[in-house]
């Protein structure tokens, strides 16, 4: 098993942020990406990313074989919603494992939901996505998107062994194009990729992150 740095690791929070001020943009503009609506929220926050992240996704898409597309599912997540997701999952873990300490619960929860204070989604730096054909039909990547470690018996981990050869090949293809475009994966979630956030900076050996938590202003 490859060593995994979890989002809860203090080294992630220790990465400084030099905020670029780059705006959040709607990924649906121009129709260049396939966008799934399963995570759509009333404010349409889900469909936003920092400009630099979107440009890298579009670059990655050009590297895919003919007939395949990236299928965007969720990008920006308001800090309040991120906190709600984290606390809900942590609560489930506390109920299932009452013997765990608060630190153990926090660490285990971060396998599936980033701690709110450092969450890449709340910086507009992370995207949940998969592969699809041109009609939007998803390829087999081994689990449903957002399957947690308990539900999937760990198959949600990017390099899990308990998936089919087809799913493994599709994950490799997804990872190859996104890595080439400059994004990094969170290894407990095959679908989660980011650029410019604290986790990206740590994994890439950068001195600072480009993007910190941000509120989306849809009035502009």
N, C-alpha and C. Protein backbone atom coordinates (compact mmCIF):
# COMPACT_ATOMS: atom_id res chain seq x y z
N UNK A 1 0.85 -1.20 0.00
CA UNK A 1 0.00 0.00 0.00
C UNK A 1 0.88 1.25 0.00
N UNK A 2 0.60 2.16 -0.89
CA UNK A 2 1.35 3.40 -0.95
C UNK A 2 1.04 4.25 0.27
N UNK A 3 2.06 4.97 0.75
CA UNK A 3 1.83 5.86 1.89
C UNK A 3 0.96 7.03 1.45
N UNK A 4 -0.05 7.32 2.25
CA UNK A 4 -1.01 8.37 1.92
C UNK A 4 -0.94 9.48 2.95
N UNK A 5 -0.79 10.71 2.48
CA UNK A 5 -0.87 11.88 3.34
C UNK A 5 -2.33 12.30 3.35
N UNK A 6 -2.97 12.25 4.53
CA UNK A 6 -4.37 12.64 4.65
C UNK A 6 -4.51 14.15 4.77
N UNK A 7 -5.68 14.66 4.45
CA UNK A 7 -5.94 16.09 4.55
C UNK A 7 -5.78 16.60 5.97
N UNK A 8 -5.99 15.72 6.95
CA UNK A 8 -5.88 16.11 8.35
C UNK A 8 -4.45 16.21 8.83
N UNK A 9 -3.47 15.79 8.03
CA UNK A 9 -2.07 15.84 8.43
C UNK A 9 -1.67 17.30 8.68
N UNK A 10 -1.01 17.58 9.80
CA UNK A 10 -0.62 18.96 10.11
C UNK A 10 0.25 19.61 9.04
N UNK A 11 0.95 18.81 8.25
CA UNK A 11 1.80 19.39 7.21
C UNK A 11 0.97 20.07 6.12
N UNK A 12 -0.29 19.64 5.96
CA UNK A 12 -1.16 20.28 4.96
C UNK A 12 -1.57 21.67 5.44
N UNK A 13 -2.06 21.74 6.67
CA UNK A 13 -2.49 23.03 7.23
C UNK A 13 -1.33 24.01 7.37
N UNK A 14 -0.10 23.47 7.49
CA UNK A 14 1.08 24.33 7.67
C UNK A 14 1.51 25.03 6.39
N UNK A 15 1.00 24.60 5.24
CA UNK A 15 1.38 25.24 3.98
C UNK A 15 0.77 26.63 3.93
N UNK A 16 1.57 27.68 3.71
CA UNK A 16 1.00 29.03 3.63
C UNK A 16 0.24 29.24 2.33
N UNK A 17 -0.64 30.21 2.34
CA UNK A 17 -1.40 30.56 1.14
C UNK A 17 -1.01 31.97 0.69
N UNK A 18 -0.56 32.07 -0.54
CA UNK A 18 -0.35 33.38 -1.16
C UNK A 18 -1.47 33.55 -2.16
N UNK A 19 -2.57 34.13 -1.71
CA UNK A 19 -3.80 34.19 -2.51
C UNK A 19 -3.58 34.97 -3.80
N UNK A 20 -3.90 34.33 -4.90
CA UNK A 20 -3.71 34.95 -6.22
C UNK A 20 -4.80 35.95 -6.56
N UNK A 21 -5.95 35.81 -5.93
CA UNK A 21 -7.07 36.67 -6.26
C UNK A 21 -7.81 36.25 -7.52
N UNK A 22 -7.41 35.12 -8.08
CA UNK A 22 -8.05 34.62 -9.30
C UNK A 22 -9.53 34.37 -9.05
N UNK A 23 -10.35 34.72 -10.00
CA UNK A 23 -11.79 34.61 -9.80
C UNK A 23 -12.31 33.19 -10.00
N UNK A 24 -13.48 32.96 -9.45
CA UNK A 24 -14.21 31.73 -9.68
C UNK A 24 -15.04 31.91 -10.95
N UNK A 25 -14.99 30.93 -11.84
CA UNK A 25 -15.73 31.02 -13.10
C UNK A 25 -16.66 29.82 -13.25
N UNK A 26 -17.71 30.01 -14.00
CA UNK A 26 -18.70 28.97 -14.24
C UNK A 26 -18.17 28.04 -15.34
N UNK A 27 -17.98 26.78 -15.02
CA UNK A 27 -17.40 25.83 -15.98
C UNK A 27 -18.34 25.51 -17.13
N UNK A 28 -19.61 25.89 -17.00
CA UNK A 28 -20.58 25.58 -18.04
C UNK A 28 -20.51 26.55 -19.21
N UNK A 29 -19.90 27.71 -19.00
CA UNK A 29 -19.81 28.71 -20.06
C UNK A 29 -19.00 28.17 -21.23
N UNK A 30 -19.54 28.24 -22.41
CA UNK A 30 -18.85 27.76 -23.59
C UNK A 30 -19.11 26.30 -23.90
N UNK A 31 -19.71 25.56 -22.95
CA UNK A 31 -20.06 24.17 -23.20
C UNK A 31 -18.89 23.26 -23.49
N UNK A 32 -17.71 23.61 -22.95
CA UNK A 32 -16.53 22.81 -23.27
C UNK A 32 -16.39 21.56 -22.42
N UNK A 33 -17.06 21.54 -21.28
CA UNK A 33 -17.04 20.36 -20.43
C UNK A 33 -18.44 19.77 -20.32
N UNK A 34 -18.52 18.45 -20.22
CA UNK A 34 -19.77 17.81 -19.85
C UNK A 34 -19.98 18.05 -18.35
N UNK A 35 -21.16 18.52 -17.97
CA UNK A 35 -21.44 18.84 -16.57
C UNK A 35 -22.64 18.05 -16.10
N UNK A 36 -22.41 17.26 -15.06
CA UNK A 36 -23.46 16.46 -14.44
C UNK A 36 -24.11 17.31 -13.34
N UNK A 37 -25.40 17.11 -13.10
CA UNK A 37 -26.11 17.97 -12.14
C UNK A 37 -26.42 17.28 -10.81
N UNK A 38 -25.84 16.12 -10.55
CA UNK A 38 -26.21 15.39 -9.34
C UNK A 38 -25.86 16.15 -8.05
N UNK A 39 -24.85 17.05 -8.11
CA UNK A 39 -24.46 17.82 -6.93
C UNK A 39 -24.87 19.29 -7.05
N UNK A 40 -25.78 19.58 -7.97
CA UNK A 40 -26.22 20.95 -8.17
C UNK A 40 -26.90 21.48 -6.92
N UNK A 41 -26.57 22.71 -6.54
CA UNK A 41 -27.16 23.38 -5.39
C UNK A 41 -27.98 24.57 -5.89
N UNK A 42 -28.85 25.13 -5.05
CA UNK A 42 -29.72 26.22 -5.49
C UNK A 42 -28.98 27.42 -6.08
N UNK A 43 -27.77 27.69 -5.58
CA UNK A 43 -27.00 28.84 -6.07
C UNK A 43 -26.08 28.49 -7.23
N UNK A 44 -26.07 27.24 -7.64
CA UNK A 44 -25.17 26.78 -8.71
C UNK A 44 -23.69 26.96 -8.37
N UNK A 45 -23.38 26.99 -7.09
CA UNK A 45 -21.98 27.13 -6.67
C UNK A 45 -21.15 25.95 -7.18
N UNK A 46 -21.76 24.78 -7.25
CA UNK A 46 -21.06 23.55 -7.61
C UNK A 46 -20.32 23.64 -8.94
N UNK A 47 -20.82 24.51 -9.84
CA UNK A 47 -20.30 24.56 -11.21
C UNK A 47 -19.17 25.58 -11.37
N UNK A 48 -18.60 26.05 -10.27
CA UNK A 48 -17.55 27.05 -10.35
C UNK A 48 -16.19 26.48 -9.95
N UNK A 49 -15.15 27.03 -10.57
CA UNK A 49 -13.76 26.70 -10.26
C UNK A 49 -12.91 27.94 -10.47
N UNK A 50 -11.73 27.96 -9.89
CA UNK A 50 -10.78 29.01 -10.23
C UNK A 50 -10.41 28.88 -11.71
N UNK A 51 -10.13 30.00 -12.32
CA UNK A 51 -9.83 30.01 -13.75
C UNK A 51 -8.68 29.06 -14.10
N UNK A 52 -7.63 29.05 -13.28
CA UNK A 52 -6.47 28.22 -13.56
C UNK A 52 -6.78 26.73 -13.52
N UNK A 53 -7.71 26.35 -12.65
CA UNK A 53 -8.09 24.94 -12.55
C UNK A 53 -8.88 24.54 -13.80
N UNK A 54 -9.83 25.38 -14.18
CA UNK A 54 -10.63 25.09 -15.37
C UNK A 54 -9.75 24.97 -16.61
N UNK A 55 -8.80 25.86 -16.77
CA UNK A 55 -7.93 25.80 -17.95
C UNK A 55 -7.15 24.50 -17.98
N UNK A 56 -6.74 24.02 -16.83
CA UNK A 56 -5.99 22.75 -16.79
C UNK A 56 -6.90 21.56 -17.09
N UNK A 57 -8.15 21.62 -16.69
CA UNK A 57 -9.09 20.56 -17.06
C UNK A 57 -9.30 20.52 -18.57
N UNK A 58 -9.43 21.67 -19.16
CA UNK A 58 -9.62 21.72 -20.62
C UNK A 58 -8.39 21.19 -21.34
N UNK A 59 -7.22 21.48 -20.79
CA UNK A 59 -5.99 20.93 -21.38
C UNK A 59 -5.98 19.41 -21.26
N UNK A 60 -6.35 18.90 -20.08
CA UNK A 60 -6.38 17.44 -19.87
C UNK A 60 -7.35 16.78 -20.83
N UNK A 61 -8.48 17.43 -21.08
CA UNK A 61 -9.48 16.83 -21.96
C UNK A 61 -8.94 16.64 -23.38
N UNK A 62 -8.08 17.54 -23.82
CA UNK A 62 -7.53 17.41 -25.18
C UNK A 62 -6.62 16.20 -25.30
N UNK A 63 -6.16 15.65 -24.18
CA UNK A 63 -5.26 14.50 -24.20
C UNK A 63 -6.01 13.16 -24.22
N UNK A 64 -7.32 13.20 -24.04
CA UNK A 64 -8.09 11.96 -24.01
C UNK A 64 -8.26 11.37 -25.41
N UNK A 65 -8.40 10.06 -25.50
CA UNK A 65 -8.66 9.42 -26.79
C UNK A 65 -9.97 9.93 -27.39
N UNK A 66 -10.10 9.86 -28.68
CA UNK A 66 -11.33 10.28 -29.36
C UNK A 66 -12.53 9.52 -28.79
N UNK A 67 -13.61 10.24 -28.57
CA UNK A 67 -14.83 9.61 -28.07
C UNK A 67 -14.98 9.65 -26.57
N UNK A 68 -13.97 10.18 -25.86
CA UNK A 68 -14.05 10.27 -24.40
C UNK A 68 -14.00 11.72 -23.96
N UNK A 69 -14.68 12.01 -22.85
CA UNK A 69 -14.72 13.36 -22.29
C UNK A 69 -14.55 13.29 -20.78
N UNK A 70 -14.14 14.39 -20.20
CA UNK A 70 -14.21 14.53 -18.75
C UNK A 70 -15.66 14.85 -18.39
N UNK A 71 -16.16 14.24 -17.32
CA UNK A 71 -17.50 14.54 -16.84
C UNK A 71 -17.36 15.23 -15.48
N UNK A 72 -17.62 16.52 -15.46
CA UNK A 72 -17.52 17.35 -14.26
C UNK A 72 -18.73 17.11 -13.37
N UNK A 73 -18.48 16.87 -12.07
CA UNK A 73 -19.58 16.64 -11.14
C UNK A 73 -19.68 17.72 -10.06
N UNK A 74 -18.55 18.11 -9.48
CA UNK A 74 -18.61 19.16 -8.46
C UNK A 74 -17.28 19.88 -8.36
N UNK A 75 -17.36 21.21 -8.24
CA UNK A 75 -16.17 22.02 -8.06
C UNK A 75 -16.21 22.75 -6.74
N UNK A 76 -16.55 24.03 -6.80
CA UNK A 76 -16.57 24.87 -5.60
C UNK A 76 -17.64 24.42 -4.62
N UNK A 77 -17.27 24.48 -3.33
CA UNK A 77 -18.20 24.14 -2.26
C UNK A 77 -18.08 25.21 -1.18
N UNK A 78 -19.13 25.96 -0.88
CA UNK A 78 -19.04 27.01 0.14
C UNK A 78 -18.53 26.46 1.47
N UNK A 79 -17.72 27.23 2.21
CA UNK A 79 -17.18 26.75 3.49
C UNK A 79 -18.24 26.22 4.44
N UNK A 80 -19.41 26.84 4.48
CA UNK A 80 -20.47 26.37 5.38
C UNK A 80 -20.95 24.97 4.99
N UNK A 81 -21.05 24.71 3.69
CA UNK A 81 -21.48 23.39 3.23
C UNK A 81 -20.39 22.36 3.49
N UNK A 82 -19.13 22.75 3.30
CA UNK A 82 -18.02 21.85 3.58
C UNK A 82 -18.04 21.42 5.05
N UNK A 83 -18.27 22.38 5.94
CA UNK A 83 -18.33 22.06 7.37
C UNK A 83 -19.49 21.11 7.67
N UNK A 84 -20.62 21.33 7.02
CA UNK A 84 -21.77 20.46 7.21
C UNK A 84 -21.44 19.03 6.78
N UNK A 85 -20.80 18.87 5.63
CA UNK A 85 -20.43 17.53 5.15
C UNK A 85 -19.45 16.85 6.11
N UNK A 86 -18.46 17.62 6.56
CA UNK A 86 -17.44 17.04 7.43
C UNK A 86 -18.05 16.59 8.76
N UNK A 87 -18.86 17.45 9.35
CA UNK A 87 -19.44 17.11 10.65
C UNK A 87 -20.41 15.95 10.56
N UNK A 88 -21.13 15.86 9.44
CA UNK A 88 -22.07 14.75 9.26
C UNK A 88 -21.33 13.41 9.19
N UNK A 89 -20.25 13.38 8.41
CA UNK A 89 -19.50 12.13 8.28
C UNK A 89 -18.77 11.79 9.57
N UNK A 90 -18.19 12.79 10.22
CA UNK A 90 -17.52 12.55 11.51
C UNK A 90 -18.51 12.00 12.53
N UNK A 91 -19.73 12.50 12.49
CA UNK A 91 -20.76 12.00 13.41
C UNK A 91 -21.08 10.54 13.15
N UNK A 92 -21.14 10.15 11.90
CA UNK A 92 -21.37 8.74 11.56
C UNK A 92 -20.24 7.86 12.08
N UNK A 93 -19.01 8.34 11.95
CA UNK A 93 -17.87 7.56 12.44
C UNK A 93 -17.88 7.45 13.95
N UNK A 94 -18.21 8.54 14.64
CA UNK A 94 -18.27 8.51 16.11
C UNK A 94 -19.30 7.49 16.59
N UNK A 95 -20.44 7.45 15.88
CA UNK A 95 -21.49 6.51 16.27
C UNK A 95 -21.06 5.06 16.02
N UNK A 96 -20.34 4.84 14.92
CA UNK A 96 -19.92 3.49 14.57
C UNK A 96 -18.72 3.02 15.39
N UNK A 97 -17.86 3.96 15.80
CA UNK A 97 -16.64 3.62 16.53
C UNK A 97 -16.53 4.46 17.80
N UNK A 98 -17.38 4.20 18.80
CA UNK A 98 -17.38 5.02 20.01
C UNK A 98 -16.08 4.96 20.80
N UNK A 99 -15.26 3.95 20.53
CA UNK A 99 -13.98 3.82 21.24
C UNK A 99 -12.90 4.75 20.68
N UNK A 100 -13.15 5.36 19.55
CA UNK A 100 -12.14 6.23 18.93
C UNK A 100 -12.05 7.56 19.65
N UNK A 101 -10.86 8.10 19.70
CA UNK A 101 -10.64 9.43 20.25
C UNK A 101 -11.10 10.47 19.23
N UNK A 102 -11.20 11.73 19.67
CA UNK A 102 -11.58 12.81 18.77
C UNK A 102 -10.57 12.94 17.64
N UNK A 103 -9.30 12.73 17.95
CA UNK A 103 -8.25 12.81 16.92
C UNK A 103 -8.40 11.70 15.89
N UNK A 104 -8.73 10.50 16.35
CA UNK A 104 -8.92 9.39 15.41
C UNK A 104 -10.11 9.64 14.50
N UNK A 105 -11.19 10.17 15.05
CA UNK A 105 -12.38 10.48 14.25
C UNK A 105 -12.04 11.55 13.21
N UNK A 106 -11.33 12.59 13.64
CA UNK A 106 -10.97 13.68 12.73
C UNK A 106 -10.12 13.16 11.57
N UNK A 107 -9.14 12.31 11.89
CA UNK A 107 -8.26 11.77 10.86
C UNK A 107 -9.02 10.86 9.90
N UNK A 108 -9.83 9.97 10.46
CA UNK A 108 -10.59 9.04 9.61
C UNK A 108 -11.60 9.79 8.74
N UNK A 109 -12.21 10.82 9.28
CA UNK A 109 -13.18 11.59 8.50
C UNK A 109 -12.51 12.27 7.31
N UNK A 110 -11.24 12.64 7.48
CA UNK A 110 -10.54 13.35 6.41
C UNK A 110 -10.18 12.46 5.24
N UNK A 111 -10.37 11.15 5.36
CA UNK A 111 -10.19 10.27 4.20
C UNK A 111 -11.24 10.56 3.15
N UNK A 112 -12.40 11.06 3.60
CA UNK A 112 -13.56 11.18 2.72
C UNK A 112 -14.05 12.62 2.56
N UNK A 113 -13.88 13.44 3.60
CA UNK A 113 -14.28 14.84 3.54
C UNK A 113 -13.15 15.67 4.14
N UNK A 114 -12.69 16.69 3.42
CA UNK A 114 -11.59 17.51 3.90
C UNK A 114 -12.01 18.34 5.11
N UNK A 115 -11.14 18.50 6.10
CA UNK A 115 -11.43 19.42 7.20
C UNK A 115 -11.74 20.81 6.63
N UNK A 116 -12.77 21.47 7.13
CA UNK A 116 -13.23 22.73 6.53
C UNK A 116 -12.17 23.82 6.39
N UNK A 117 -11.24 23.89 7.33
CA UNK A 117 -10.28 25.00 7.31
C UNK A 117 -9.27 24.90 6.18
N UNK A 118 -9.09 23.72 5.60
CA UNK A 118 -8.10 23.58 4.53
C UNK A 118 -8.70 22.99 3.26
N UNK A 119 -10.01 22.86 3.20
CA UNK A 119 -10.67 22.13 2.11
C UNK A 119 -10.39 22.72 0.73
N UNK A 120 -9.84 21.93 -0.19
CA UNK A 120 -9.60 22.40 -1.55
C UNK A 120 -10.86 22.84 -2.29
N UNK A 121 -11.99 22.16 -2.03
CA UNK A 121 -13.23 22.54 -2.70
C UNK A 121 -13.65 23.96 -2.33
N UNK A 122 -13.44 24.34 -1.07
CA UNK A 122 -13.86 25.67 -0.63
C UNK A 122 -12.93 26.77 -1.13
N UNK A 123 -11.82 26.37 -1.71
CA UNK A 123 -10.92 27.34 -2.35
C UNK A 123 -11.20 27.43 -3.85
N UNK A 124 -12.13 26.63 -4.34
CA UNK A 124 -12.39 26.58 -5.78
C UNK A 124 -11.26 25.91 -6.53
N UNK A 125 -10.46 25.11 -5.81
CA UNK A 125 -9.26 24.50 -6.37
C UNK A 125 -9.43 23.03 -6.70
N UNK A 126 -10.52 22.43 -6.26
CA UNK A 126 -10.69 20.99 -6.42
C UNK A 126 -11.92 20.67 -7.27
N UNK A 127 -11.83 19.54 -7.94
CA UNK A 127 -12.93 19.08 -8.78
C UNK A 127 -13.15 17.59 -8.58
N UNK A 128 -14.40 17.20 -8.51
CA UNK A 128 -14.78 15.79 -8.53
C UNK A 128 -15.26 15.49 -9.93
N UNK A 129 -14.66 14.51 -10.56
CA UNK A 129 -14.98 14.23 -11.96
C UNK A 129 -14.71 12.79 -12.32
N UNK A 130 -15.16 12.40 -13.50
CA UNK A 130 -14.94 11.05 -13.98
C UNK A 130 -14.82 11.09 -15.50
N UNK A 131 -14.79 9.91 -16.11
CA UNK A 131 -14.72 9.81 -17.56
C UNK A 131 -16.07 9.37 -18.12
N UNK A 132 -16.39 9.86 -19.31
CA UNK A 132 -17.64 9.50 -19.96
C UNK A 132 -17.45 9.49 -21.46
N UNK A 133 -18.41 8.88 -22.16
CA UNK A 133 -18.38 8.99 -23.61
C UNK A 133 -19.02 10.32 -24.00
N UNK A 134 -19.08 10.60 -25.28
CA UNK A 134 -19.56 11.92 -25.73
C UNK A 134 -21.02 12.17 -25.38
N UNK A 135 -21.77 11.10 -25.07
CA UNK A 135 -23.17 11.26 -24.70
C UNK A 135 -23.35 11.39 -23.19
N UNK A 136 -22.24 11.36 -22.45
CA UNK A 136 -22.32 11.52 -21.01
C UNK A 136 -22.47 10.22 -20.24
N UNK A 137 -22.36 9.09 -20.90
CA UNK A 137 -22.44 7.81 -20.22
C UNK A 137 -21.12 7.53 -19.52
N UNK A 138 -21.18 7.31 -18.21
CA UNK A 138 -19.96 7.14 -17.43
C UNK A 138 -19.27 5.81 -17.70
N UNK A 139 -17.95 5.86 -17.69
CA UNK A 139 -17.15 4.64 -17.80
C UNK A 139 -17.07 3.98 -16.43
N UNK A 140 -16.67 2.74 -16.41
CA UNK A 140 -16.49 2.00 -15.16
C UNK A 140 -15.17 2.41 -14.52
N UNK A 141 -15.25 3.04 -13.34
CA UNK A 141 -14.04 3.37 -12.60
C UNK A 141 -14.01 2.67 -11.24
N UNK A 142 -14.80 1.65 -11.09
CA UNK A 142 -14.67 0.77 -9.93
C UNK A 142 -15.66 0.98 -8.83
N UNK A 143 -16.06 2.22 -8.57
CA UNK A 143 -17.08 2.51 -7.56
C UNK A 143 -17.92 3.68 -8.09
N UNK A 144 -19.02 3.90 -7.45
CA UNK A 144 -19.74 5.13 -7.74
C UNK A 144 -18.91 6.30 -7.23
N UNK A 145 -19.09 7.45 -7.82
CA UNK A 145 -18.42 8.63 -7.30
C UNK A 145 -18.96 8.94 -5.91
N UNK A 146 -18.05 9.36 -5.02
CA UNK A 146 -18.37 9.70 -3.62
C UNK A 146 -18.70 8.48 -2.77
N UNK A 147 -18.28 7.29 -3.20
CA UNK A 147 -18.40 6.11 -2.33
C UNK A 147 -17.40 6.26 -1.19
N UNK A 148 -17.85 6.05 0.04
CA UNK A 148 -16.92 6.20 1.16
C UNK A 148 -16.15 4.90 1.39
N UNK A 149 -15.09 4.94 2.20
CA UNK A 149 -14.25 3.75 2.40
C UNK A 149 -15.01 2.58 2.99
N UNK A 150 -15.98 2.86 3.87
CA UNK A 150 -16.75 1.78 4.49
C UNK A 150 -17.65 1.10 3.47
N UNK A 151 -18.36 1.90 2.71
CA UNK A 151 -19.29 1.37 1.71
C UNK A 151 -18.58 0.54 0.64
N UNK A 152 -17.41 1.02 0.21
CA UNK A 152 -16.73 0.41 -0.93
C UNK A 152 -15.64 -0.59 -0.54
N UNK A 153 -15.49 -0.86 0.76
CA UNK A 153 -14.42 -1.73 1.24
C UNK A 153 -13.05 -1.24 0.74
N UNK A 154 -12.91 0.08 0.69
CA UNK A 154 -11.64 0.67 0.29
C UNK A 154 -11.44 0.80 -1.21
N UNK A 155 -12.41 0.37 -2.01
CA UNK A 155 -12.25 0.44 -3.46
C UNK A 155 -12.26 1.88 -3.97
N UNK A 156 -12.68 2.82 -3.14
CA UNK A 156 -12.65 4.23 -3.53
C UNK A 156 -11.22 4.78 -3.56
N UNK A 157 -10.30 4.10 -2.88
CA UNK A 157 -8.90 4.52 -2.92
C UNK A 157 -8.38 4.39 -4.35
N UNK A 158 -7.66 5.39 -4.81
CA UNK A 158 -7.25 5.44 -6.21
C UNK A 158 -6.51 4.19 -6.66
N UNK A 159 -5.64 3.67 -5.82
CA UNK A 159 -4.84 2.51 -6.19
C UNK A 159 -5.34 1.22 -5.54
N UNK A 160 -6.63 1.16 -5.27
CA UNK A 160 -7.22 -0.05 -4.69
C UNK A 160 -7.01 -1.24 -5.60
N UNK A 161 -6.86 -2.40 -5.00
CA UNK A 161 -6.66 -3.62 -5.78
C UNK A 161 -7.97 -4.37 -6.03
N UNK A 162 -9.02 -4.07 -5.26
CA UNK A 162 -10.28 -4.81 -5.38
C UNK A 162 -11.22 -4.17 -6.39
N UNK A 163 -10.68 -3.87 -7.59
CA UNK A 163 -11.48 -3.36 -8.70
C UNK A 163 -11.10 -4.15 -9.95
N UNK A 164 -11.91 -4.03 -10.99
CA UNK A 164 -11.67 -4.78 -12.22
C UNK A 164 -10.51 -4.19 -13.01
N UNK A 165 -10.01 -4.96 -13.96
CA UNK A 165 -8.93 -4.47 -14.84
C UNK A 165 -9.42 -3.28 -15.67
N UNK A 166 -10.68 -3.33 -16.10
CA UNK A 166 -11.24 -2.23 -16.88
C UNK A 166 -11.26 -0.94 -16.05
N UNK A 167 -11.73 -1.05 -14.81
CA UNK A 167 -11.77 0.12 -13.95
C UNK A 167 -10.38 0.65 -13.67
N UNK A 168 -9.44 -0.27 -13.47
CA UNK A 168 -8.04 0.14 -13.21
C UNK A 168 -7.47 0.89 -14.41
N UNK A 169 -7.76 0.41 -15.60
CA UNK A 169 -7.27 1.07 -16.81
C UNK A 169 -7.89 2.46 -16.97
N UNK A 170 -9.17 2.57 -16.65
CA UNK A 170 -9.84 3.86 -16.76
C UNK A 170 -9.30 4.85 -15.73
N UNK A 171 -9.03 4.38 -14.53
CA UNK A 171 -8.43 5.26 -13.52
C UNK A 171 -7.05 5.72 -13.97
N UNK A 172 -6.30 4.81 -14.57
CA UNK A 172 -4.96 5.17 -15.03
C UNK A 172 -5.04 6.23 -16.12
N UNK A 173 -5.99 6.09 -17.05
CA UNK A 173 -6.16 7.08 -18.11
C UNK A 173 -6.54 8.44 -17.53
N UNK A 174 -7.51 8.45 -16.61
CA UNK A 174 -7.92 9.70 -15.98
C UNK A 174 -6.74 10.35 -15.27
N UNK A 175 -5.99 9.55 -14.51
CA UNK A 175 -4.86 10.08 -13.78
C UNK A 175 -3.75 10.58 -14.67
N UNK A 176 -3.54 9.90 -15.78
CA UNK A 176 -2.46 10.30 -16.69
C UNK A 176 -2.70 11.68 -17.27
N UNK A 177 -3.92 11.95 -17.75
CA UNK A 177 -4.17 13.24 -18.39
C UNK A 177 -4.25 14.37 -17.37
N UNK A 178 -4.82 14.10 -16.20
CA UNK A 178 -4.93 15.15 -15.20
C UNK A 178 -3.57 15.49 -14.58
N UNK A 179 -2.75 14.47 -14.35
CA UNK A 179 -1.40 14.72 -13.84
C UNK A 179 -0.59 15.50 -14.84
N UNK A 180 -0.71 15.15 -16.11
CA UNK A 180 0.03 15.86 -17.16
C UNK A 180 -0.39 17.32 -17.24
N UNK A 181 -1.64 17.61 -16.86
CA UNK A 181 -2.13 18.99 -16.90
C UNK A 181 -1.79 19.76 -15.63
N UNK A 182 -1.18 19.08 -14.64
CA UNK A 182 -0.71 19.77 -13.44
C UNK A 182 -1.52 19.57 -12.19
N UNK A 183 -2.55 18.73 -12.23
CA UNK A 183 -3.36 18.50 -11.04
C UNK A 183 -2.80 17.34 -10.22
N UNK A 184 -3.21 17.27 -8.95
CA UNK A 184 -2.83 16.16 -8.08
C UNK A 184 -4.10 15.48 -7.56
N UNK A 185 -3.98 14.21 -7.26
CA UNK A 185 -5.10 13.42 -6.77
C UNK A 185 -5.04 13.27 -5.25
N UNK A 186 -6.21 13.20 -4.63
CA UNK A 186 -6.29 12.80 -3.22
C UNK A 186 -6.47 11.29 -3.21
N UNK A 187 -5.48 10.53 -2.77
CA UNK A 187 -5.45 9.08 -3.02
C UNK A 187 -6.55 8.25 -2.38
N UNK A 188 -7.35 8.83 -1.49
CA UNK A 188 -8.46 8.06 -0.93
C UNK A 188 -9.73 8.22 -1.76
N UNK A 189 -9.67 9.08 -2.78
CA UNK A 189 -10.83 9.35 -3.63
C UNK A 189 -10.37 9.44 -5.08
N UNK A 190 -10.62 8.44 -5.87
CA UNK A 190 -10.11 8.43 -7.24
C UNK A 190 -10.64 9.60 -8.08
N UNK A 191 -11.77 10.16 -7.68
CA UNK A 191 -12.44 11.21 -8.46
C UNK A 191 -12.00 12.63 -8.09
N UNK A 192 -11.24 12.79 -7.00
CA UNK A 192 -10.92 14.12 -6.48
C UNK A 192 -9.53 14.58 -6.94
N UNK A 193 -9.50 15.68 -7.69
CA UNK A 193 -8.25 16.23 -8.21
C UNK A 193 -8.21 17.73 -7.94
N UNK A 194 -7.02 18.27 -7.74
CA UNK A 194 -6.93 19.69 -7.42
C UNK A 194 -5.66 20.33 -7.96
N UNK A 195 -5.71 21.65 -8.00
CA UNK A 195 -4.56 22.46 -8.40
C UNK A 195 -4.58 23.75 -7.59
N UNK A 196 -3.42 24.15 -7.07
CA UNK A 196 -3.28 25.45 -6.44
C UNK A 196 -3.63 25.54 -4.98
N UNK A 197 -4.16 24.47 -4.38
CA UNK A 197 -4.54 24.46 -2.98
C UNK A 197 -3.39 23.99 -2.10
N UNK A 198 -3.59 23.95 -0.81
CA UNK A 198 -2.54 23.53 0.12
C UNK A 198 -2.08 22.09 -0.12
N UNK A 199 -3.03 21.20 -0.36
CA UNK A 199 -2.65 19.80 -0.58
C UNK A 199 -1.79 19.68 -1.84
N UNK A 200 -2.20 20.34 -2.89
CA UNK A 200 -1.42 20.36 -4.14
C UNK A 200 -0.01 20.88 -3.87
N UNK A 201 0.09 21.97 -3.13
CA UNK A 201 1.40 22.58 -2.86
C UNK A 201 2.30 21.62 -2.08
N UNK A 202 1.73 20.93 -1.11
CA UNK A 202 2.52 19.98 -0.32
C UNK A 202 3.02 18.84 -1.20
N UNK A 203 2.14 18.25 -1.96
CA UNK A 203 2.51 17.10 -2.80
C UNK A 203 3.51 17.50 -3.88
N UNK A 204 3.37 18.69 -4.42
CA UNK A 204 4.25 19.15 -5.49
C UNK A 204 5.53 19.82 -4.97
N UNK A 205 5.64 20.00 -3.68
CA UNK A 205 6.83 20.63 -3.12
C UNK A 205 6.89 22.14 -3.36
N UNK A 206 5.72 22.76 -3.53
CA UNK A 206 5.66 24.21 -3.72
C UNK A 206 5.78 24.93 -2.38
N UNK A 207 6.26 26.15 -2.40
CA UNK A 207 6.44 26.90 -1.15
C UNK A 207 5.14 27.44 -0.58
N UNK A 208 4.12 27.62 -1.42
CA UNK A 208 2.84 28.16 -0.97
C UNK A 208 1.73 27.75 -1.91
N UNK A 209 0.51 27.76 -1.38
CA UNK A 209 -0.67 27.52 -2.21
C UNK A 209 -1.07 28.82 -2.89
N UNK A 210 -1.74 28.70 -4.03
CA UNK A 210 -2.21 29.88 -4.77
C UNK A 210 -3.61 30.30 -4.34
N UNK A 211 -4.39 29.34 -3.83
CA UNK A 211 -5.79 29.60 -3.54
C UNK A 211 -6.14 29.20 -2.11
N UNK A 212 -6.81 30.09 -1.39
CA UNK A 212 -7.34 29.79 -0.07
C UNK A 212 -8.86 29.79 -0.10
N UNK A 213 -9.51 29.48 1.03
CA UNK A 213 -10.98 29.46 1.08
C UNK A 213 -11.56 30.77 0.58
N UNK A 214 -12.69 30.67 -0.12
CA UNK A 214 -13.25 31.85 -0.78
C UNK A 214 -14.77 31.76 -0.74
N UNK A 215 -15.40 32.91 -0.59
CA UNK A 215 -16.86 32.97 -0.69
C UNK A 215 -17.21 33.35 -2.13
N UNK A 216 -18.22 32.72 -2.67
CA UNK A 216 -18.66 32.99 -4.03
C UNK A 216 -19.70 34.09 -4.04
N UNK A 217 -19.42 35.16 -4.77
CA UNK A 217 -20.36 36.27 -4.91
C UNK A 217 -21.00 36.18 -6.29
N UNK A 218 -22.26 35.77 -6.33
CA UNK A 218 -22.95 35.58 -7.61
C UNK A 218 -23.66 36.85 -8.08
N UNK A 219 -23.45 37.95 -7.37
CA UNK A 219 -24.11 39.20 -7.77
C UNK A 219 -23.37 39.86 -8.93
N UNK A 220 -22.08 39.48 -9.12
CA UNK A 220 -21.29 40.11 -10.17
C UNK A 220 -21.46 39.38 -11.49
